[in-house]
Amino acid sequence: MGRHNLKRLKKGDMIVFYSPETSFNGGEELKSFTAAGYVIDETPYKAEMTPDFHPFRRNMKFIECRETSILPLKISKEDFGKIAGAMGVKI
């Protein structure tokens, strides 16, 4: 998520995190929601993951949850329409 998207988040917003793989740059296929939490700060900050990689982050209060595969989950046609519309997709 880029800095501009992170700026849209407000303190108190809840986020669930999707992990397509078991590690950041590869690993085994996972396709699961792996974490959930609340935004606890007001603005994004730059973090250093490696000397050449400095992504923007938000401070979070993570809550206890269990990993959940995306494969058996379904969304309704109405929810799909809402998501697609928010993404600017014309249906």
Protein backbone atom coordinates (compact mmCIF):
# COMPACT_ATOMS: atom_id res chain seq x y z
CA MET A 1 0.00 0.00 0.00
CA GLY A 2 1.53 3.31 -1.06
CA ARG A 3 1.83 6.49 0.99
CA HIS A 4 -1.24 8.11 -0.57
CA ASN A 5 -3.44 5.11 0.22
CA LEU A 6 -2.07 4.97 3.76
CA LYS A 7 -2.94 8.66 4.21
CA ARG A 8 -6.60 7.83 3.57
CA LEU A 9 -6.70 5.62 6.66
CA LYS A 10 -7.93 7.28 9.85
CA LYS A 11 -7.02 6.53 13.44
CA GLY A 12 -9.35 3.74 14.59
CA ASP A 13 -9.88 2.19 11.14
CA MET A 14 -9.71 -1.60 11.21
CA ILE A 15 -7.68 -3.50 8.62
CA VAL A 16 -7.34 -7.18 7.76
CA PHE A 17 -4.11 -8.28 6.09
CA TYR A 18 -3.98 -10.66 3.14
CA SER A 19 -0.87 -12.77 2.54
CA PRO A 20 -0.58 -14.41 -0.89
CA GLU A 21 2.65 -16.20 0.10
CA THR A 22 4.46 -17.33 3.25
CA SER A 23 7.21 -14.71 2.88
CA PHE A 24 7.56 -11.20 1.43
CA ASN A 25 9.46 -12.07 -1.75
CA GLY A 26 8.20 -15.55 -2.49
CA GLY A 27 7.79 -18.59 -0.38
CA GLU A 28 5.00 -21.09 -0.52
CA GLU A 29 1.52 -20.12 -1.70
CA LEU A 30 -0.65 -19.13 1.27
CA LYS A 31 -3.70 -17.15 0.02
CA SER A 32 -4.89 -16.34 3.54
CA PHE A 33 -5.91 -13.45 5.74
CA THR A 34 -3.21 -13.51 8.40
CA ALA A 35 -3.65 -10.51 10.71
CA ALA A 36 -6.14 -7.85 11.83
CA GLY A 37 -5.75 -4.63 13.72
CA TYR A 38 -6.63 -0.98 14.26
CA VAL A 39 -4.74 2.06 13.01
CA ILE A 40 -3.43 3.92 16.09
CA ASP A 41 -1.59 6.88 14.55
CA GLU A 42 -2.45 9.92 12.44
CA THR A 43 0.02 9.78 9.52
CA PRO A 44 2.20 7.34 7.57
CA TYR A 45 5.91 7.06 8.30
CA LYS A 46 8.82 5.64 6.30
CA ALA A 47 10.39 2.41 7.56
CA GLU A 48 13.61 0.67 6.51
CA MET A 49 13.23 -2.99 5.60
CA THR A 50 16.53 -3.15 3.71
CA PRO A 51 19.10 -0.46 2.79
CA ASP A 52 17.33 -0.04 -0.57
CA PHE A 53 13.70 -0.55 0.48
CA HIS A 54 11.91 2.09 2.61
CA PRO A 55 8.15 1.50 2.49
CA PHE A 56 5.58 3.67 4.23
CA ARG A 57 3.82 2.19 7.25
CA ARG A 58 1.14 2.97 9.83
CA ASN A 59 1.28 2.06 13.50
CA MET A 60 -1.20 -0.68 14.34
CA LYS A 61 -2.68 -2.34 17.40
CA PHE A 62 -3.00 -5.93 16.29
CA ILE A 63 -5.78 -8.07 17.68
CA GLU A 64 -5.80 -11.80 18.25
CA CYS A 65 -7.12 -13.73 15.27
CA ARG A 66 -6.55 -16.96 13.38
CA GLU A 67 -5.24 -17.37 9.85
CA THR A 68 -8.12 -17.87 7.41
CA SER A 69 -7.79 -19.15 3.86
CA ILE A 70 -9.42 -16.99 1.21
CA LEU A 71 -10.32 -20.03 -0.91
CA PRO A 72 -13.59 -21.05 0.81
CA LEU A 73 -14.75 -17.46 1.40
CA LYS A 74 -17.41 -15.97 -0.86
CA ILE A 75 -18.68 -12.43 -1.30
CA SER A 76 -22.22 -11.61 -2.34
CA LYS A 77 -23.03 -10.14 -5.75
CA GLU A 78 -24.03 -6.91 -3.96
CA ASP A 79 -20.69 -6.70 -2.11
CA PHE A 80 -18.80 -7.45 -5.33
CA GLY A 81 -20.65 -4.56 -6.95
CA LYS A 82 -19.69 -2.23 -4.10
CA ILE A 83 -16.03 -3.24 -4.29
CA ALA A 84 -15.90 -3.00 -8.08
CA GLY A 85 -17.63 0.40 -8.01
CA ALA A 86 -15.18 1.72 -5.42
CA MET A 87 -12.37 0.52 -7.70
CA GLY A 88 -13.86 2.47 -10.61
CA VAL A 89 -15.04 -0.61 -12.51
CA LYS A 90 -18.11 -0.08 -14.68
CA ILE A 91 -20.49 -3.02 -14.36
